[in-house]
Amino acid sequence: QGSSSTPGPSSARDSGWATMRGCAALGRVALLLHAVHGTVNVARDGHSDAQVKEHRLLEQMGMSHSISLKRQSYRSKQAHQSKNTATAKVVHKTAYYGKVEVGTPRQSFTVVFDTGSGNLMIPSTYCSSHACTMHRRFDRKASTTVEDIQADGSHSRRGSPRDQITVTFGTGEISGIFLQDDVCIGSLCSNVRFVGATDETEDPFASFNFDGVLGLALPQMSQGPEFSVMDRLVDSKALKQPLFSVFLSDSSAEESEITFGDIRQERMASPMFWQEVSRPTGYWQVQIKDIAINNQRQALCEDCQVAVDTGTSQLAGPTDVIKELAKRLDVRSDCSNYHSLPNLGFVMGDHVLNLNPQDYVDKGPDGCEVSLMPLDVPPPNGPLFIFGDPFLRKYYTAYDRRNKQVGFAAARHSDMSEQQASALLVSLNGAGTVTQAQDPTSLIFLARK
């Protein structure tokens, strides 16, 4: 439900679909069998030779597929460390998740499509913890195509010790064993290695509506090449283009979605520009030149890095930068200047990607504060920012696996005019030129109370 498939041109070779298992429609299989067994003017199912050739051509071309994403809001505790005390506060988070299918016959699961991790991880029937039993669990015995494997992909012998992996997600952990089976995202399928969870901690997994996580990070973050669902789809020439794109919304009036194999022009309110992946960390990580306030560069974080993370519901950055940024933004705790706060921008290439106050300020019954979470990653991979959901709701993003680059465009939302949306993404070569702020504290919108 809520998904679509469209054929498209590709440089895929004739052998591209050979590795795809069980994903072709029955009608398409019939046409291919007819083409193999002989050429006649009209096939038994009424298709002409020209139609048969057309369908064969489509088989050699890639496909795109869009998956609708559901949105869940939940609460989570976040630690705050000051000089003398450690405190925790409840923060509101959001997760977006969609459907995948595993095994033969297919077993359905909901997963977060996460650019910040590299493996597919779903609960298995070997897991009896409450966090697992409240979700769908992969039944290894019910699949005719599953294989038990070790971490290196070698077959596991019955009764012999199994390799296990433990992965930390925020405040919790998932432990599991390694399996290999057919994994399908709509009409796109490939044989993939994945983790079947044998244990999940109550916090935070019991609070999630979704079952697992499908990692879409670069290969450095996966257990191995065969664990990367995206790489398996790209290698098999299944995709129209070797990329995926993400559109997120917090409105019930429009659907969020992830599209494999294509970029949807109707989701963009501006042209897309591209930034190369800047570090071989496994993150979709690019370089930012600086931070801007109302399009004025602040010399706060020159040549910093940013990881675009679809599995994170917050914005995060280096502690010292966030502290200084909070001073300059001057978000008053009583919210008295909320409506006059400036745009917060990130200078990337020849563009500034702006966020409005509602994107970077926590505004609630207890008042207002900058919502960026402290995160310290040392060089050479840092200083590092994390762009999570607040950023991804403002910008439509694409992730090009072959060319290792990330695309950014202002997202087109139903509750925002195209002019409003496109105004957030400022070109340094056009209107709204970024300049160096000589004395930021002298600016009116930065005046201290």
Foldseek 3Di string as FASTA:
>chain_A
DPKDKDFAADPFDLQLCVQFPPQDDPVLVVLVVVVVVDADQADPVGHGNVVSVVSSVSVRAAMKMKWFKDKDKDKDWDWDDDPPDIDIDIDIFMFIWTWKWWAVVTDIFIAGAKQVAFFWEFAAPLADDPLRVVGDHHYPVVHPFKFFAALVRHGDDPPDDHHKDWDDDVPWIWIFGKMWTWMGDRSQIGIAIHTHTNYIDVPPSVVDPGGTYQHQFAQLRHSHQRRGPLSRSVRSNRANASKKKWADAPDPVDTTIIMTRDDDPQFFLFDKDKFAQDDPNRFLKGWFQAKDWLQAGEPLFGRFMEGEIARGRFKAFAPVSVVVVQLQQQCDQANPCQVVTTWIWTHHDQKTQTAHSVLQWDQDPRGIGGGYHHDPDDPPNGSYMYHYDSSSNQWMKMAHNVRRMMMTGGTDDPVDDSVRSRVNMGGCVDPSHYHHDPDSCPDPSSDHD
